Amino acid sequence: NSLKPEDTAVYYCKLDQLNRVYWGHGT
């Protein structure tokens, strides 16, 4: 909410489990 121009970016999802890291491709 209340988004600002400085929030402009590619947003990535990350999941951490069992010492492994997974990333999405971004939006």
PDB file of all heavy atoms in Angstrom:
ATOM      1  N   ASN A   1       0.841  -1.191   0.000  1.00  0.00           N
ATOM      2  CA  ASN A   1       0.000   0.000   0.000  1.00  0.00           C
ATOM      3  C   ASN A   1       0.880   1.246   0.000  1.00  0.00           C
ATOM      4  O   ASN A   1       2.065   1.194   0.315  1.00  0.00           O
ATOM      5  CB  ASN A   1      -0.909   0.008   1.225  1.00  0.00           C
ATOM      6  CG  ASN A   1      -1.854  -1.180   1.255  1.00  0.00           C
ATOM      7  OD1 ASN A   1      -2.291  -1.677   0.222  1.00  0.00           O
ATOM      8  ND2 ASN A   1      -2.181  -1.634   2.455  1.00  0.00           N
ATOM      9  N   SER A   2       0.260   2.372  -0.328  1.00  0.00           N
ATOM     10  CA  SER A   2       0.979   3.660  -0.338  1.00  0.00           C
ATOM     11  C   SER A   2       2.288   3.550  -1.104  1.00  0.00           C
ATOM     12  O   SER A   2       3.346   3.979  -0.626  1.00  0.00           O
ATOM     13  CB  SER A   2       1.241   4.121   1.108  1.00  0.00           C
ATOM     14  OG  SER A   2       0.029   4.247   1.823  1.00  0.00           O
ATOM     15  N   LEU A   3       2.212   2.990  -2.281  1.00  0.00           N
ATOM     16  CA  LEU A   3       3.423   2.757  -3.060  1.00  0.00           C
ATOM     17  C   LEU A   3       4.080   4.059  -3.475  1.00  0.00           C
ATOM     18  O   LEU A   3       3.399   5.067  -3.736  1.00  0.00           O
ATOM     19  CB  LEU A   3       3.099   1.906  -4.289  1.00  0.00           C
ATOM     20  CG  LEU A   3       2.933   0.406  -3.987  1.00  0.00           C
ATOM     21  CD1 LEU A   3       2.161  -0.292  -5.082  1.00  0.00           C
ATOM     22  CD2 LEU A   3       4.286  -0.243  -3.776  1.00  0.00           C
ATOM     23  N   LYS A   4       5.408   4.025  -3.532  1.00  0.00           N
ATOM     24  CA  LYS A   4       6.217   5.182  -3.891  1.00  0.00           C
ATOM     25  C   LYS A   4       7.051   4.842  -5.135  1.00  0.00           C
ATOM     26  O   LYS A   4       7.341   3.672  -5.379  1.00  0.00           O
ATOM     27  CB  LYS A   4       7.160   5.531  -2.746  1.00  0.00           C
ATOM     28  CG  LYS A   4       6.470   5.777  -1.416  1.00  0.00           C
ATOM     29  CD  LYS A   4       7.496   6.004  -0.316  1.00  0.00           C
ATOM     30  CE  LYS A   4       6.831   6.231   1.029  1.00  0.00           C
ATOM     31  NZ  LYS A   4       7.832   6.445   2.118  1.00  0.00           N
ATOM     32  N   PRO A   5       7.462   5.840  -5.888  1.00  0.00           N
ATOM     33  CA  PRO A   5       8.316   5.563  -7.057  1.00  0.00           C
ATOM     34  C   PRO A   5       9.567   4.768  -6.692  1.00  0.00           C
ATOM     35  O   PRO A   5      10.019   3.939  -7.492  1.00  0.00           O
ATOM     36  CB  PRO A   5       8.660   6.966  -7.563  1.00  0.00           C
ATOM     37  CG  PRO A   5       7.486   7.795  -7.171  1.00  0.00           C
ATOM     38  CD  PRO A   5       7.062   7.247  -5.830  1.00  0.00           C
ATOM     39  N   GLU A   6      10.100   4.977  -5.505  1.00  0.00           N
ATOM     40  CA  GLU A   6      11.302   4.248  -5.098  1.00  0.00           C
ATOM     41  C   GLU A   6      11.031   2.776  -4.796  1.00  0.00           C
ATOM     42  O   GLU A   6      11.969   2.017  -4.556  1.00  0.00           O
ATOM     43  CB  GLU A   6      11.966   4.910  -3.882  1.00  0.00           C
ATOM     44  CG  GLU A   6      11.035   5.204  -2.725  1.00  0.00           C
ATOM     45  CD  GLU A   6      10.534   6.643  -2.738  1.00  0.00           C
ATOM     46  OE1 GLU A   6      10.176   7.140  -3.842  1.00  0.00           O
ATOM     47  OE2 GLU A   6      10.485   7.255  -1.646  1.00  0.00           O
ATOM     48  N   ASP A   7       9.777   2.362  -4.818  1.00  0.00           N
ATOM     49  CA  ASP A   7       9.457   0.938  -4.685  1.00  0.00           C
ATOM     50  C   ASP A   7       9.572   0.206  -6.019  1.00  0.00           C
ATOM     51  O   ASP A   7       9.440  -1.014  -6.066  1.00  0.00           O
ATOM     52  CB  ASP A   7       8.032   0.764  -4.143  1.00  0.00           C
ATOM     53  CG  ASP A   7       7.872   1.268  -2.731  1.00  0.00           C
ATOM     54  OD1 ASP A   7       8.775   1.020  -1.895  1.00  0.00           O
ATOM     55  OD2 ASP A   7       6.845   1.910  -2.434  1.00  0.00           O
ATOM     56  N   THR A   8       9.808   0.946  -7.086  1.00  0.00           N
ATOM     57  CA  THR A   8       9.950   0.341  -8.401  1.00  0.00           C
ATOM     58  C   THR A   8      11.134  -0.613  -8.425  1.00  0.00           C
ATOM     59  O   THR A   8      12.255  -0.249  -8.065  1.00  0.00           O
ATOM     60  CB  THR A   8      10.141   1.423  -9.469  1.00  0.00           C
ATOM     61  OG1 THR A   8       8.950   2.209  -9.553  1.00  0.00           O
ATOM     62  CG2 THR A   8      10.435   0.812 -10.831  1.00  0.00           C
ATOM     63  N   ALA A   9      10.872  -1.862  -8.831  1.00  0.00           N
ATOM     64  CA  ALA A   9      11.905  -2.892  -8.835  1.00  0.00           C
ATOM     65  C   ALA A   9      11.306  -4.193  -9.368  1.00  0.00           C
ATOM     66  O   ALA A   9      10.089  -4.296  -9.544  1.00  0.00           O
ATOM     67  CB  ALA A   9      12.454  -3.130  -7.426  1.00  0.00           C
ATOM     68  N   VAL A  10      12.177  -5.158  -9.584  1.00  0.00           N
ATOM     69  CA  VAL A  10      11.716  -6.522  -9.803  1.00  0.00           C
ATOM     70  C   VAL A  10      11.632  -7.179  -8.433  1.00  0.00           C
ATOM     71  O   VAL A  10      12.602  -7.144  -7.669  1.00  0.00           O
ATOM     72  CB  VAL A  10      12.664  -7.308 -10.728  1.00  0.00           C
ATOM     73  CG1 VAL A  10      12.169  -8.743 -10.877  1.00  0.00           C
ATOM     74  CG2 VAL A  10      12.771  -6.632 -12.095  1.00  0.00           C
ATOM     75  N   TYR A  11      10.497  -7.757  -8.141  1.00  0.00           N
ATOM     76  CA  TYR A  11      10.278  -8.387  -6.841  1.00  0.00           C
ATOM     77  C   TYR A  11      10.401  -9.905  -7.000  1.00  0.00           C
ATOM     78  O   TYR A  11       9.756 -10.499  -7.876  1.00  0.00           O
ATOM     79  CB  TYR A  11       8.903  -8.013  -6.301  1.00  0.00           C
ATOM     80  CG  TYR A  11       8.866  -6.608  -5.738  1.00  0.00           C
ATOM     81  CD1 TYR A  11       8.975  -5.496  -6.575  1.00  0.00           C
ATOM     82  CD2 TYR A  11       8.754  -6.392  -4.362  1.00  0.00           C
ATOM     83  CE1 TYR A  11       8.967  -4.209  -6.059  1.00  0.00           C
ATOM     84  CE2 TYR A  11       8.748  -5.105  -3.842  1.00  0.00           C
ATOM     85  CZ  TYR A  11       8.848  -4.025  -4.693  1.00  0.00           C
ATOM     86  OH  TYR A  11       8.843  -2.748  -4.176  1.00  0.00           O
ATOM     87  N   TYR A  12      11.224 -10.481  -6.141  1.00  0.00           N
ATOM     88  CA  TYR A  12      11.507 -11.912  -6.191  1.00  0.00           C
ATOM     89  C   TYR A  12      11.005 -12.602  -4.931  1.00  0.00           C
ATOM     90  O   TYR A  12      11.156 -12.080  -3.816  1.00  0.00           O
ATOM     91  CB  TYR A  12      13.003 -12.166  -6.303  1.00  0.00           C
ATOM     92  CG  TYR A  12      13.639 -11.647  -7.567  1.00  0.00           C
ATOM     93  CD1 TYR A  12      14.172 -10.368  -7.621  1.00  0.00           C
ATOM     94  CD2 TYR A  12      13.721 -12.447  -8.702  1.00  0.00           C
ATOM     95  CE1 TYR A  12      14.763  -9.887  -8.771  1.00  0.00           C
ATOM     96  CE2 TYR A  12      14.318 -11.977  -9.865  1.00  0.00           C
ATOM     97  CZ  TYR A  12      14.826 -10.693  -9.890  1.00  0.00           C
ATOM     98  OH  TYR A  12      15.419 -10.238 -11.039  1.00  0.00           O
ATOM     99  N   CYS A  13      10.482 -13.779  -5.105  1.00  0.00           N
ATOM    100  CA  CYS A  13      10.077 -14.629  -4.001  1.00  0.00           C
ATOM    101  C   CYS A  13      11.226 -15.588  -3.685  1.00  0.00           C
ATOM    102  O   CYS A  13      11.904 -16.081  -4.600  1.00  0.00           O
ATOM    103  CB  CYS A  13       8.832 -15.409  -4.407  1.00  0.00           C
ATOM    104  SG  CYS A  13       8.203 -16.546  -3.162  1.00  0.00           S
ATOM    105  N   LYS A  14      11.418 -15.851  -2.403  1.00  0.00           N
ATOM    106  CA  LYS A  14      12.489 -16.752  -1.960  1.00  0.00           C
ATOM    107  C   LYS A  14      11.936 -17.722  -0.934  1.00  0.00           C
ATOM    108  O   LYS A  14      11.129 -17.347  -0.081  1.00  0.00           O
ATOM    109  CB  LYS A  14      13.617 -15.937  -1.350  1.00  0.00           C
ATOM    110  CG  LYS A  14      14.777 -16.749  -0.794  1.00  0.00           C
ATOM    111  CD  LYS A  14      15.758 -15.816  -0.072  1.00  0.00           C
ATOM    112  CE  LYS A  14      16.859 -16.577   0.630  1.00  0.00           C
ATOM    113  NZ  LYS A  14      17.706 -15.702   1.466  1.00  0.00           N
ATOM    114  N   LEU A  15      12.404 -18.953  -1.010  1.00  0.00           N
ATOM    115  CA  LEU A  15      12.037 -19.970  -0.017  1.00  0.00           C
ATOM    116  C   LEU A  15      13.311 -20.610   0.519  1.00  0.00           C
ATOM    117  O   LEU A  15      14.196 -20.986  -0.261  1.00  0.00           O
ATOM    118  CB  LEU A  15      11.122 -21.033  -0.639  1.00  0.00           C
ATOM    119  CG  LEU A  15      10.571 -22.102   0.301  1.00  0.00           C
ATOM    120  CD1 LEU A  15       9.180 -22.543  -0.149  1.00  0.00           C
ATOM    121  CD2 LEU A  15      11.476 -23.308   0.410  1.00  0.00           C
ATOM    122  N   ASP A  16      13.393 -20.679   1.846  1.00  0.00           N
ATOM    123  CA  ASP A  16      14.525 -21.328   2.524  1.00  0.00           C
ATOM    124  C   ASP A  16      14.007 -22.552   3.268  1.00  0.00           C
ATOM    125  O   ASP A  16      13.095 -22.430   4.087  1.00  0.00           O
ATOM    126  CB  ASP A  16      15.149 -20.399   3.567  1.00  0.00           C
ATOM    127  CG  ASP A  16      15.815 -19.198   2.964  1.00  0.00           C
ATOM    128  OD1 ASP A  16      15.103 -18.233   2.649  1.00  0.00           O
ATOM    129  OD2 ASP A  16      17.044 -19.234   2.837  1.00  0.00           O
ATOM    130  N   GLN A  17      14.606 -23.707   2.998  1.00  0.00           N
ATOM    131  CA  GLN A  17      14.295 -24.891   3.786  1.00  0.00           C
ATOM    132  C   GLN A  17      15.455 -25.858   3.702  1.00  0.00           C
ATOM    133  O   GLN A  17      16.093 -25.993   2.648  1.00  0.00           O
ATOM    134  CB  GLN A  17      12.996 -25.558   3.324  1.00  0.00           C
ATOM    135  CG  GLN A  17      13.037 -26.157   1.949  1.00  0.00           C
ATOM    136  CD  GLN A  17      11.742 -26.892   1.620  1.00  0.00           C
ATOM    137  OE1 GLN A  17      10.701 -26.737   2.259  1.00  0.00           O
ATOM    138  NE2 GLN A  17      11.808 -27.730   0.584  1.00  0.00           N
ATOM    139  N   LEU A  18      15.734 -26.505   4.822  1.00  0.00           N
ATOM    140  CA  LEU A  18      16.776 -27.531   4.888  1.00  0.00           C
ATOM    141  C   LEU A  18      18.089 -27.026   4.280  1.00  0.00           C
ATOM    142  O   LEU A  18      18.746 -27.739   3.509  1.00  0.00           O
ATOM    143  CB  LEU A  18      16.309 -28.800   4.162  1.00  0.00           C
ATOM    144  CG  LEU A  18      15.018 -29.437   4.686  1.00  0.00           C
ATOM    145  CD1 LEU A  18      14.657 -30.657   3.865  1.00  0.00           C
ATOM    146  CD2 LEU A  18      15.148 -29.769   6.159  1.00  0.00           C
ATOM    147  N   ASN A  19      18.440 -25.816   4.626  1.00  0.00           N
ATOM    148  CA  ASN A  19      19.694 -25.213   4.169  1.00  0.00           C
ATOM    149  C   ASN A  19      19.782 -25.058   2.657  1.00  0.00           C
ATOM    150  O   ASN A  19      20.887 -24.972   2.100  1.00  0.00           O
ATOM    151  CB  ASN A  19      20.894 -26.012   4.680  1.00  0.00           C
ATOM    152  CG  ASN A  19      21.002 -25.968   6.197  1.00  0.00           C
ATOM    153  OD1 ASN A  19      20.798 -24.924   6.804  1.00  0.00           O
ATOM    154  ND2 ASN A  19      21.285 -27.104   6.803  1.00  0.00           N
ATOM    155  N   ARG A  20      18.658 -25.036   1.996  1.00  0.00           N
ATOM    156  CA  ARG A  20      18.627 -24.773   0.556  1.00  0.00           C
ATOM    157  C   ARG A  20      17.785 -23.538   0.291  1.00  0.00           C
ATOM    158  O   ARG A  20      16.827 -23.258   1.021  1.00  0.00           O
ATOM    159  CB  ARG A  20      18.072 -25.963  -0.215  1.00  0.00           C
ATOM    160  CG  ARG A  20      18.997 -27.170  -0.197  1.00  0.00           C
ATOM    161  CD  ARG A  20      18.533 -28.248  -1.159  1.00  0.00           C
ATOM    162  NE  ARG A  20      19.473 -29.355  -1.228  1.00  0.00           N
ATOM    163  CZ  ARG A  20      19.320 -30.399  -2.043  1.00  0.00           C
ATOM    164  NH1 ARG A  20      18.286 -30.465  -2.862  1.00  0.00           N
ATOM    165  NH2 ARG A  20      20.219 -31.358  -2.042  1.00  0.00           N
ATOM    166  N   VAL A  21      18.154 -22.831  -0.764  1.00  0.00           N
ATOM    167  CA  VAL A  21      17.478 -21.591  -1.123  1.00  0.00           C
ATOM    168  C   VAL A  21      16.919 -21.711  -2.535  1.00  0.00           C
ATOM    169  O   VAL A  21      17.619 -22.183  -3.450  1.00  0.00           O
ATOM    170  CB  VAL A  21      18.445 -20.394  -1.050  1.00  0.00           C
ATOM    171  CG1 VAL A  21      17.757 -19.130  -1.540  1.00  0.00           C
ATOM    172  CG2 VAL A  21      18.959 -20.213   0.373  1.00  0.00           C
ATOM    173  N   TYR A  22      15.686 -21.288  -2.696  1.00  0.00           N
ATOM    174  CA  TYR A  22      15.029 -21.319  -3.999  1.00  0.00           C
ATOM    175  C   TYR A  22      14.504 -19.918  -4.312  1.00  0.00           C
ATOM    176  O   TYR A  22      13.995 -19.226  -3.416  1.00  0.00           O
ATOM    177  CB  TYR A  22      13.877 -22.325  -3.995  1.00  0.00           C
ATOM    178  CG  TYR A  22      14.288 -23.720  -3.613  1.00  0.00           C
ATOM    179  CD1 TYR A  22      14.267 -24.125  -2.281  1.00  0.00           C
ATOM    180  CD2 TYR A  22      14.726 -24.630  -4.575  1.00  0.00           C
ATOM    181  CE1 TYR A  22      14.652 -25.408  -1.918  1.00  0.00           C
ATOM    182  CE2 TYR A  22      15.110 -25.923  -4.217  1.00  0.00           C
ATOM    183  CZ  TYR A  22      15.073 -26.299  -2.892  1.00  0.00           C
ATOM    184  OH  TYR A  22      15.470 -27.564  -2.532  1.00  0.00           O
ATOM    185  N   TRP A  23      14.607 -19.535  -5.577  1.00  0.00           N
ATOM    186  CA  TRP A  23      14.150 -18.217  -6.016  1.00  0.00           C
ATOM    187  C   TRP A  23      13.133 -18.355  -7.145  1.00  0.00           C
ATOM    188  O   TRP A  23      13.228 -19.257  -7.979  1.00  0.00           O
ATOM    189  CB  TRP A  23      15.319 -17.389  -6.547  1.00  0.00           C
ATOM    190  CG  TRP A  23      16.299 -16.943  -5.513  1.00  0.00           C
ATOM    191  CD1 TRP A  23      17.452 -17.569  -5.144  1.00  0.00           C
ATOM    192  CD2 TRP A  23      16.216 -15.754  -4.716  1.00  0.00           C
ATOM    193  NE1 TRP A  23      18.099 -16.845  -4.167  1.00  0.00           N
ATOM    194  CE2 TRP A  23      17.364 -15.730  -3.893  1.00  0.00           C
ATOM    195  CE3 TRP A  23      15.292 -14.719  -4.621  1.00  0.00           C
ATOM    196  CZ2 TRP A  23      17.598 -14.694  -2.975  1.00  0.00           C
ATOM    197  CZ3 TRP A  23      15.540 -13.695  -3.713  1.00  0.00           C
ATOM    198  CH2 TRP A  23      16.669 -13.693  -2.905  1.00  0.00           C
ATOM    199  N   GLY A  24      12.200 -17.422  -7.163  1.00  0.00           N
ATOM    200  CA  GLY A  24      11.322 -17.303  -8.314  1.00  0.00           C
ATOM    201  C   GLY A  24      11.989 -16.465  -9.386  1.00  0.00           C
ATOM    202  O   GLY A  24      13.104 -15.952  -9.205  1.00  0.00           O
ATOM    203  N   HIS A  25      11.297 -16.296 -10.502  1.00  0.00           N
ATOM    204  CA  HIS A  25      11.873 -15.554 -11.625  1.00  0.00           C
ATOM    205  C   HIS A  25      11.638 -14.052 -11.511  1.00  0.00           C
ATOM    206  O   HIS A  25      12.232 -13.283 -12.265  1.00  0.00           O
ATOM    207  CB  HIS A  25      11.307 -16.078 -12.941  1.00  0.00           C
ATOM    208  CG  HIS A  25      11.756 -17.471 -13.259  1.00  0.00           C
ATOM    209  ND1 HIS A  25      13.064 -17.781 -13.523  1.00  0.00           N
ATOM    210  CD2 HIS A  25      11.071 -18.626 -13.328  1.00  0.00           C
ATOM    211  CE1 HIS A  25      13.173 -19.084 -13.759  1.00  0.00           C
ATOM    212  NE2 HIS A  25      11.979 -19.621 -13.643  1.00  0.00           N
ATOM    213  N   GLY A  26      10.777 -13.652 -10.611  1.00  0.00           N
ATOM    214  CA  GLY A  26      10.557 -12.229 -10.387  1.00  0.00           C
ATOM    215  C   GLY A  26       9.347 -11.677 -11.109  1.00  0.00           C
ATOM    216  O   GLY A  26       8.917 -12.213 -12.139  1.00  0.00           O
ATOM    217  N   THR A  27       8.815 -10.591 -10.555  1.00  0.00           N
ATOM    218  CA  THR A  27       7.702  -9.884 -11.170  1.00  0.00           C
ATOM    219  C   THR A  27       7.980  -8.383 -11.061  1.00  0.00           C
ATOM    220  O   THR A  27       8.416  -7.902 -10.013  1.00  0.00           O
ATOM    221  CB  THR A  27       6.358 -10.262 -10.519  1.00  0.00           C
ATOM    222  OG1 THR A  27       5.282  -9.611 -11.201  1.00  0.00           O
ATOM    223  CG2 THR A  27       6.297  -9.883  -9.048  1.00  0.00           C
TER     224      THR A  27
END
